Amino acid sequence: MDYLLLIAHLVFLALAVVGIFLADRSGFAWMRGKVEVVSSKDLFNAHWIVTSGLLGLVYTGLLLFWPMHAYLLTQPWFLLKLALVVALLINALVIEWLM
C-alpha cells in the first residue's frame, strides 16, 4: 500500500512539474517578445494542472505522513518542507484570485 501511495505521490509531483513547465514556456515566449500577450487559455490550463498536482501531492502526502507524524514533526527538514508546501498553496490561491 505504501508503495502505491509513494508512486501516486510522485505522479502528482510530475503533473505539477509539467504544469510549471507549460506556464514557464508561455511566460518565456512573452518575455522574449515572441507573443504580445500570453493566452488566457494557456494560463488557465497550466494553473489548473499545477493546482491539481499540488492537491494530489497534499492528499497523498497526508496519507504518507500520518503513520509517522509523531517522528516527522520533530524533524527540521520536514518542517521546512511543510512550510514550502504551504507557501506553494498560498501562491496557487493568490494566482487563482488574480486570474
Protein backbone atom coordinates (compact mmCIF):
# COMPACT_ATOMS: atom_id res chain seq x y z
CA MET A 1 0.00 0.00 0.00
CA ASP A 2 2.79 2.43 0.90
CA TYR A 3 4.47 1.82 -2.46
CA LEU A 4 1.26 2.69 -4.31
CA LEU A 5 0.92 5.89 -2.29
CA LEU A 6 4.53 6.78 -2.99
CA ILE A 7 4.04 6.15 -6.72
CA ALA A 8 0.86 8.25 -6.70
CA HIS A 9 2.73 11.00 -4.82
CA LEU A 10 5.48 11.01 -7.44
CA VAL A 11 2.93 11.03 -10.29
CA PHE A 12 1.29 14.12 -8.80
CA LEU A 13 4.73 15.71 -8.46
CA ALA A 14 5.38 15.03 -12.15
CA LEU A 15 1.98 16.52 -13.03
CA ALA A 16 2.79 19.70 -11.10
CA VAL A 17 6.20 19.97 -12.78
CA VAL A 18 4.60 19.60 -16.23
CA GLY A 19 2.19 22.41 -15.38
CA ILE A 20 5.07 24.60 -14.22
CA PHE A 21 6.96 23.97 -17.46
CA LEU A 22 3.86 24.86 -19.50
CA ALA A 23 3.42 28.11 -17.59
CA ASP A 24 7.12 28.95 -17.90
CA ARG A 25 7.10 28.25 -21.64
CA SER A 26 4.27 30.73 -22.14
CA GLY A 27 5.93 33.28 -19.87
CA PHE A 28 9.30 32.99 -21.59
CA ALA A 29 7.71 33.38 -25.02
CA TRP A 30 6.15 36.63 -23.78
CA MET A 31 9.42 37.81 -22.23
CA ARG A 32 11.33 37.17 -25.46
CA GLY A 33 8.70 39.06 -27.46
CA LYS A 34 7.53 36.04 -29.44
CA VAL A 35 3.96 36.71 -28.32
CA GLU A 36 2.45 40.04 -27.41
CA VAL A 37 0.04 38.63 -24.83
CA VAL A 38 0.09 35.30 -23.00
CA SER A 39 -3.03 33.35 -23.88
CA SER A 40 -5.50 33.25 -21.02
CA LYS A 41 -6.41 29.71 -22.07
CA ASP A 42 -2.77 28.61 -21.69
CA LEU A 43 -2.53 30.28 -18.27
CA PHE A 44 -5.80 28.76 -17.12
CA ASN A 45 -4.75 25.25 -18.22
CA ALA A 46 -1.29 25.49 -16.68
CA HIS A 47 -2.73 26.85 -13.44
CA TRP A 48 -5.21 24.00 -13.10
CA ILE A 49 -2.58 21.38 -13.93
CA VAL A 50 -0.31 22.76 -11.21
CA THR A 51 -3.21 23.10 -8.75
CA SER A 52 -4.33 19.52 -9.42
CA GLY A 53 -0.79 18.29 -8.90
CA LEU A 54 -0.45 20.24 -5.65
CA LEU A 55 -3.78 18.99 -4.32
CA GLY A 56 -2.81 15.41 -5.18
CA LEU A 57 0.56 15.92 -3.51
CA VAL A 58 -1.08 17.24 -0.36
CA TYR A 59 -3.60 14.39 -0.22
CA THR A 60 -1.11 11.59 -0.81
CA GLY A 61 1.40 13.39 1.42
CA LEU A 62 -1.08 13.39 4.29
CA LEU A 63 -1.69 9.67 3.80
CA LEU A 64 2.07 9.02 3.83
CA PHE A 65 2.62 11.40 6.75
CA TRP A 66 0.05 10.13 9.20
CA PRO A 67 1.65 6.82 10.26
CA MET A 68 4.91 8.65 11.10
CA HIS A 69 3.55 12.02 12.20
CA ALA A 70 5.00 11.96 15.73
CA TYR A 71 8.51 11.45 14.37
CA LEU A 72 8.24 13.74 11.34
CA LEU A 73 7.01 16.73 13.33
CA THR A 74 10.30 16.69 15.25
CA GLN A 75 12.42 16.88 12.08
CA PRO A 76 13.53 20.38 10.98
CA TRP A 77 13.86 19.42 7.30
CA PHE A 78 10.32 18.09 7.27
CA LEU A 79 9.02 21.28 8.88
CA LEU A 80 10.86 23.32 6.24
CA LYS A 81 9.29 21.20 3.50
CA LEU A 82 5.89 21.69 5.11
CA ALA A 83 6.41 25.48 5.15
CA LEU A 84 7.36 25.43 1.46
CA VAL A 85 4.25 23.41 0.58
CA VAL A 86 2.08 25.93 2.46
CA ALA A 87 3.79 28.76 0.54
CA LEU A 88 3.05 26.99 -2.76
CA LEU A 89 -0.59 26.55 -1.82
CA ILE A 90 -0.91 30.22 -0.83
CA ASN A 91 0.73 31.15 -4.13
CA ALA A 92 -1.77 29.00 -6.04
CA LEU A 93 -4.69 30.64 -4.22
CA VAL A 94 -3.36 34.13 -4.94
CA ILE A 95 -2.89 33.28 -8.64
CA GLU A 96 -6.44 31.92 -8.73
CA TRP A 97 -7.73 35.11 -7.16
CA LEU A 98 -5.79 37.29 -9.62
CA MET A 99 -7.00 35.30 -12.63
